[in-house]
């Protein structure tokens, strides 16, 4: 029986949610998944549908989620081992007032100093080998560089350095390596996140695309 993926997209249009959702759909079909794509959070309120999935993929920046929409997702991941995976604001800037969503996903966007067009490096953690990043080199990105508040329990697979040359902001005195790609568990369920993906073309590049593909496969029940 094929694994089932449920992709739910919407929220802020600036992140090209429909385009990203369809890109992920094509990728997962290529991996043998049965895929359903929806543009309403009410799909998450269908507990039978959510519990029957192998993988949930939110592509939903900002907005708000009701308890009726959220609780089946929490139950599916925490109690039934359904995986959840996503990228950029579509998963870790989804519902800013919902702390349980942030508890599950492992992080929350708070800033992108310099906005879009910043040139920066993604540095794979060579001391933490993982099937998602195996053989992936460090690589350069020109996009938004995400500054996040993250769960110290995350299994961090890649980071980026702040501050970035030429980008000013209140953070510049606080040099750090910011997590960008991680896995974690939420109860019985696997969670995967990649901070890249401001626009779909960022995800279409060789290394981000492969990281997302592997992340989906790793997270899927």
Foldseek 3Di string as FASTA:
>chain_A
DAAEEEEEEDADCLLVGVVQSVVVVVLVVVVRYHYDYYHDLVVLLPLVVLLRHQEYEFQAAEDADDCSSPVSNLCNQAPVARFYEYEARRQQRHYVVDVVSCVAQFKHFDDFFPAFQDKWKKCFDPVQDDPLCVPPHIDIDGTGDTDIDGDPQWAAGIWTWPPDPPTDDPCRVPIDTGGAWTWDGNHNFIHTYGNDRSYVVRCVDDSNVSSRSVRRVVRGD
